[in-house]
Amino acid sequence: MRAVRSVDNSELERLRCLSALDVLSLMADHAKVDRDFSPVRATGTQRVHVSAGGADWEILVDGARFYDTQAGKGGGGAVDLVMHLWRVPFKQAVKMLREAGA
């Protein structure tokens, strides 16, 4: 197995700023925005139905932030989202994002 090159701060910051919706479009097997969803609090929040790695989620996204409604967990940034969806460690998530062209 090939080692993952280290992540410098500028790359990490760039990945943290990516839109969660863009990351879902890039990394999920399937992602569909629920057009009928009306957010209660933050008006920019969208609900997305996601399939990845053989599992399904209902994810709320707002900018770089995400929240898994079923697990009651959330985070911010592309690396956290890939780690959550694919259940992989940090270095593997970075590698997956790089390979996907994020």
N, C-alpha and C. Protein backbone atom coordinates (compact mmCIF):
# COMPACT_ATOMS: atom_id res chain seq x y z
N MET A 1 0.84 -1.17 0.00
CA MET A 1 0.00 0.00 0.00
C MET A 1 0.89 1.24 0.00
N ARG A 2 0.55 2.17 -0.85
CA ARG A 2 1.33 3.39 -0.98
C ARG A 2 0.99 4.36 0.14
N ALA A 3 2.01 4.96 0.73
CA ALA A 3 1.81 5.91 1.81
C ALA A 3 1.17 7.19 1.28
N VAL A 4 0.35 7.80 2.12
CA VAL A 4 -0.29 9.07 1.77
C VAL A 4 0.67 10.19 2.15
N ARG A 5 0.94 11.08 1.18
CA ARG A 5 1.84 12.20 1.49
C ARG A 5 1.18 13.10 2.53
N SER A 6 1.99 13.79 3.27
CA SER A 6 1.48 14.63 4.35
C SER A 6 0.61 15.76 3.79
N VAL A 7 -0.23 16.29 4.67
CA VAL A 7 -1.14 17.36 4.30
C VAL A 7 -0.62 18.64 4.91
N ASP A 8 -0.35 19.65 4.07
CA ASP A 8 0.11 20.91 4.64
C ASP A 8 -1.11 21.75 5.03
N ASN A 9 -0.85 22.78 5.81
CA ASN A 9 -1.93 23.60 6.35
C ASN A 9 -2.77 24.27 5.27
N SER A 10 -2.13 24.69 4.18
CA SER A 10 -2.90 25.36 3.12
C SER A 10 -3.87 24.39 2.43
N GLU A 11 -3.43 23.15 2.22
CA GLU A 11 -4.32 22.17 1.61
C GLU A 11 -5.47 21.84 2.57
N LEU A 12 -5.15 21.67 3.83
CA LEU A 12 -6.17 21.36 4.83
C LEU A 12 -7.20 22.49 4.92
N GLU A 13 -6.75 23.73 4.90
CA GLU A 13 -7.67 24.86 4.95
C GLU A 13 -8.55 24.90 3.71
N ARG A 14 -7.97 24.63 2.55
CA ARG A 14 -8.75 24.60 1.30
C ARG A 14 -9.83 23.53 1.37
N LEU A 15 -9.48 22.33 1.88
CA LEU A 15 -10.45 21.25 1.99
C LEU A 15 -11.54 21.58 3.01
N ARG A 16 -11.18 22.27 4.07
CA ARG A 16 -12.17 22.65 5.09
C ARG A 16 -13.20 23.63 4.55
N CYS A 17 -12.82 24.41 3.55
CA CYS A 17 -13.71 25.45 3.02
C CYS A 17 -14.61 24.97 1.90
N LEU A 18 -14.41 23.75 1.40
CA LEU A 18 -15.24 23.26 0.31
C LEU A 18 -16.68 23.11 0.76
N SER A 19 -17.59 23.39 -0.12
CA SER A 19 -19.01 23.22 0.16
C SER A 19 -19.32 21.73 0.39
N ALA A 20 -20.06 21.44 1.46
CA ALA A 20 -20.43 20.05 1.75
C ALA A 20 -21.26 19.46 0.61
N LEU A 21 -22.09 20.28 -0.02
CA LEU A 21 -22.90 19.80 -1.14
C LEU A 21 -22.00 19.41 -2.32
N ASP A 22 -20.96 20.20 -2.58
CA ASP A 22 -20.02 19.87 -3.65
C ASP A 22 -19.27 18.57 -3.32
N VAL A 23 -18.89 18.42 -2.07
CA VAL A 23 -18.18 17.20 -1.65
C VAL A 23 -19.08 15.98 -1.80
N LEU A 24 -20.35 16.11 -1.42
CA LEU A 24 -21.29 15.00 -1.58
C LEU A 24 -21.45 14.64 -3.05
N SER A 25 -21.55 15.65 -3.91
CA SER A 25 -21.69 15.39 -5.35
C SER A 25 -20.48 14.65 -5.90
N LEU A 26 -19.32 14.96 -5.34
CA LEU A 26 -18.06 14.39 -5.81
C LEU A 26 -17.80 13.00 -5.22
N MET A 27 -18.13 12.81 -3.95
CA MET A 27 -17.68 11.62 -3.22
C MET A 27 -18.75 10.57 -2.96
N ALA A 28 -20.02 10.92 -3.00
CA ALA A 28 -21.09 9.96 -2.71
C ALA A 28 -21.43 9.16 -3.95
N ASP A 29 -21.94 7.95 -3.74
CA ASP A 29 -22.43 7.16 -4.86
C ASP A 29 -23.67 7.82 -5.47
N HIS A 30 -24.48 8.42 -4.58
CA HIS A 30 -25.69 9.12 -5.02
C HIS A 30 -25.99 10.23 -4.01
N ALA A 31 -26.33 11.41 -4.50
CA ALA A 31 -26.72 12.52 -3.62
C ALA A 31 -27.82 13.31 -4.31
N LYS A 32 -28.94 13.46 -3.61
CA LYS A 32 -30.08 14.19 -4.19
C LYS A 32 -30.60 15.20 -3.17
N VAL A 33 -30.64 16.45 -3.59
CA VAL A 33 -31.16 17.52 -2.75
C VAL A 33 -32.68 17.38 -2.67
N ASP A 34 -33.22 17.47 -1.46
CA ASP A 34 -34.67 17.43 -1.23
C ASP A 34 -35.22 18.83 -1.48
N ARG A 35 -35.84 19.04 -2.62
CA ARG A 35 -36.33 20.36 -3.02
C ARG A 35 -37.54 20.81 -2.17
N ASP A 36 -38.20 19.87 -1.48
CA ASP A 36 -39.36 20.21 -0.66
C ASP A 36 -38.99 20.60 0.77
N PHE A 37 -37.73 20.48 1.13
CA PHE A 37 -37.28 20.77 2.49
C PHE A 37 -37.31 22.26 2.79
N SER A 38 -37.88 22.62 3.93
CA SER A 38 -37.90 24.01 4.39
C SER A 38 -37.14 24.08 5.71
N PRO A 39 -35.97 24.72 5.73
CA PRO A 39 -35.18 24.77 6.97
C PRO A 39 -35.90 25.55 8.07
N VAL A 40 -35.70 25.10 9.31
CA VAL A 40 -36.34 25.73 10.45
C VAL A 40 -35.51 26.90 10.95
N ARG A 41 -34.19 26.72 11.02
CA ARG A 41 -33.32 27.76 11.58
C ARG A 41 -32.56 28.51 10.48
N ALA A 42 -31.47 27.93 10.02
CA ALA A 42 -30.61 28.59 9.04
C ALA A 42 -31.23 28.47 7.65
N THR A 43 -31.51 29.60 7.03
CA THR A 43 -32.21 29.59 5.74
C THR A 43 -31.41 28.98 4.60
N GLY A 44 -30.09 28.88 4.75
CA GLY A 44 -29.26 28.30 3.69
C GLY A 44 -29.12 26.79 3.78
N THR A 45 -29.71 26.18 4.78
CA THR A 45 -29.58 24.73 4.98
C THR A 45 -30.37 23.97 3.93
N GLN A 46 -29.76 22.90 3.42
CA GLN A 46 -30.42 22.00 2.47
C GLN A 46 -30.37 20.59 3.03
N ARG A 47 -31.40 19.80 2.73
CA ARG A 47 -31.41 18.39 3.11
C ARG A 47 -31.05 17.58 1.87
N VAL A 48 -30.12 16.65 2.06
CA VAL A 48 -29.64 15.83 0.94
C VAL A 48 -29.77 14.36 1.33
N HIS A 49 -30.34 13.58 0.44
CA HIS A 49 -30.41 12.13 0.64
C HIS A 49 -29.18 11.54 -0.06
N VAL A 50 -28.40 10.77 0.69
CA VAL A 50 -27.08 10.34 0.25
C VAL A 50 -26.93 8.83 0.37
N SER A 51 -26.29 8.23 -0.62
CA SER A 51 -25.85 6.83 -0.56
C SER A 51 -24.35 6.82 -0.81
N ALA A 52 -23.63 6.12 0.06
CA ALA A 52 -22.18 6.00 -0.10
C ALA A 52 -21.70 4.78 0.67
N GLY A 53 -20.86 4.02 0.04
CA GLY A 53 -20.27 2.87 0.72
C GLY A 53 -21.29 1.85 1.21
N GLY A 54 -22.42 1.73 0.52
CA GLY A 54 -23.43 0.75 0.90
C GLY A 54 -24.37 1.20 2.00
N ALA A 55 -24.32 2.46 2.41
CA ALA A 55 -25.21 2.98 3.45
C ALA A 55 -25.94 4.21 2.92
N ASP A 56 -27.05 4.53 3.58
CA ASP A 56 -27.85 5.70 3.20
C ASP A 56 -27.94 6.67 4.37
N TRP A 57 -27.96 7.96 4.03
CA TRP A 57 -28.03 9.01 5.04
C TRP A 57 -29.00 10.09 4.61
N GLU A 58 -29.44 10.85 5.62
CA GLU A 58 -30.13 12.11 5.41
C GLU A 58 -29.20 13.14 6.03
N ILE A 59 -28.60 13.98 5.18
CA ILE A 59 -27.58 14.92 5.63
C ILE A 59 -28.10 16.35 5.42
N LEU A 60 -27.99 17.16 6.45
CA LEU A 60 -28.26 18.59 6.31
C LEU A 60 -26.94 19.28 6.02
N VAL A 61 -26.92 20.15 5.03
CA VAL A 61 -25.69 20.86 4.67
C VAL A 61 -25.95 22.36 4.66
N ASP A 62 -24.93 23.10 5.05
CA ASP A 62 -24.96 24.56 5.01
C ASP A 62 -23.52 25.02 4.84
N GLY A 63 -23.17 25.40 3.63
CA GLY A 63 -21.78 25.74 3.36
C GLY A 63 -20.89 24.52 3.53
N ALA A 64 -19.86 24.65 4.32
CA ALA A 64 -18.93 23.53 4.56
C ALA A 64 -19.41 22.61 5.68
N ARG A 65 -20.45 23.03 6.40
CA ARG A 65 -20.93 22.23 7.54
C ARG A 65 -21.94 21.18 7.10
N PHE A 66 -21.96 20.08 7.87
CA PHE A 66 -22.93 19.02 7.62
C PHE A 66 -23.44 18.47 8.94
N TYR A 67 -24.62 17.84 8.87
CA TYR A 67 -25.20 17.21 10.05
C TYR A 67 -25.96 15.98 9.60
N ASP A 68 -25.60 14.82 10.14
CA ASP A 68 -26.27 13.56 9.87
C ASP A 68 -27.45 13.46 10.83
N THR A 69 -28.66 13.58 10.30
CA THR A 69 -29.85 13.62 11.15
C THR A 69 -30.10 12.30 11.87
N GLN A 70 -29.73 11.19 11.27
CA GLN A 70 -29.97 9.89 11.89
C GLN A 70 -28.98 9.58 13.00
N ALA A 71 -27.71 9.93 12.79
CA ALA A 71 -26.68 9.66 13.79
C ALA A 71 -26.59 10.77 14.83
N GLY A 72 -27.15 11.94 14.51
CA GLY A 72 -27.05 13.06 15.43
C GLY A 72 -25.64 13.60 15.53
N LYS A 73 -24.88 13.48 14.43
CA LYS A 73 -23.49 13.94 14.41
C LYS A 73 -23.28 14.84 13.21
N GLY A 74 -22.36 15.77 13.38
CA GLY A 74 -22.04 16.66 12.29
C GLY A 74 -20.60 17.10 12.35
N GLY A 75 -20.25 17.97 11.44
CA GLY A 75 -18.90 18.48 11.40
C GLY A 75 -18.78 19.51 10.31
N GLY A 76 -17.55 19.86 10.03
CA GLY A 76 -17.31 20.86 9.01
C GLY A 76 -16.08 20.53 8.21
N GLY A 77 -16.20 20.65 6.93
CA GLY A 77 -15.08 20.42 6.05
C GLY A 77 -15.16 19.09 5.33
N ALA A 78 -14.51 19.06 4.19
CA ALA A 78 -14.56 17.89 3.32
C ALA A 78 -13.98 16.64 3.97
N VAL A 79 -12.89 16.81 4.71
CA VAL A 79 -12.24 15.64 5.31
C VAL A 79 -13.18 14.99 6.33
N ASP A 80 -13.78 15.80 7.20
CA ASP A 80 -14.72 15.25 8.19
C ASP A 80 -15.88 14.53 7.51
N LEU A 81 -16.41 15.12 6.44
CA LEU A 81 -17.54 14.52 5.75
C LEU A 81 -17.17 13.19 5.11
N VAL A 82 -16.02 13.12 4.46
CA VAL A 82 -15.58 11.85 3.85
C VAL A 82 -15.30 10.81 4.93
N MET A 83 -14.69 11.22 6.02
CA MET A 83 -14.44 10.30 7.13
C MET A 83 -15.77 9.73 7.64
N HIS A 84 -16.78 10.57 7.76
CA HIS A 84 -18.08 10.14 8.27
C HIS A 84 -18.78 9.19 7.29
N LEU A 85 -18.86 9.57 6.03
CA LEU A 85 -19.59 8.77 5.05
C LEU A 85 -18.93 7.43 4.78
N TRP A 86 -17.64 7.44 4.60
CA TRP A 86 -16.92 6.24 4.18
C TRP A 86 -16.28 5.49 5.34
N ARG A 87 -16.40 6.05 6.56
CA ARG A 87 -15.85 5.41 7.77
C ARG A 87 -14.37 5.07 7.59
N VAL A 88 -13.62 6.09 7.22
CA VAL A 88 -12.18 5.94 7.00
C VAL A 88 -11.43 6.93 7.90
N PRO A 89 -10.16 6.65 8.18
CA PRO A 89 -9.37 7.59 8.97
C PRO A 89 -8.97 8.82 8.15
N PHE A 90 -8.43 9.80 8.84
CA PHE A 90 -8.07 11.09 8.26
C PHE A 90 -7.23 10.95 6.97
N LYS A 91 -6.13 10.23 7.05
CA LYS A 91 -5.23 10.13 5.89
C LYS A 91 -5.92 9.50 4.68
N GLN A 92 -6.76 8.50 4.92
CA GLN A 92 -7.48 7.87 3.82
C GLN A 92 -8.49 8.83 3.21
N ALA A 93 -9.15 9.63 4.05
CA ALA A 93 -10.11 10.61 3.55
C ALA A 93 -9.41 11.64 2.66
N VAL A 94 -8.26 12.11 3.09
CA VAL A 94 -7.49 13.07 2.29
C VAL A 94 -7.10 12.43 0.96
N LYS A 95 -6.64 11.22 1.00
CA LYS A 95 -6.25 10.51 -0.23
C LYS A 95 -7.45 10.38 -1.19
N MET A 96 -8.60 10.03 -0.65
CA MET A 96 -9.81 9.89 -1.48
C MET A 96 -10.19 11.23 -2.12
N LEU A 97 -10.09 12.30 -1.36
CA LEU A 97 -10.40 13.62 -1.89
C LEU A 97 -9.43 14.01 -2.99
N ARG A 98 -8.17 13.75 -2.77
CA ARG A 98 -7.16 14.05 -3.79
C ARG A 98 -7.43 13.28 -5.07
N GLU A 99 -7.72 11.99 -4.93
CA GLU A 99 -7.97 11.14 -6.10
C GLU A 99 -9.22 11.58 -6.85
N ALA A 100 -10.18 12.15 -6.13
CA ALA A 100 -11.42 12.62 -6.76
C ALA A 100 -11.26 14.01 -7.38
N GLY A 101 -10.12 14.64 -7.14
CA GLY A 101 -9.86 15.95 -7.72
C GLY A 101 -10.39 17.12 -6.91
N ALA A 102 -10.66 16.87 -5.64
CA ALA A 102 -11.19 17.96 -4.77
C ALA A 102 -10.11 18.96 -4.44
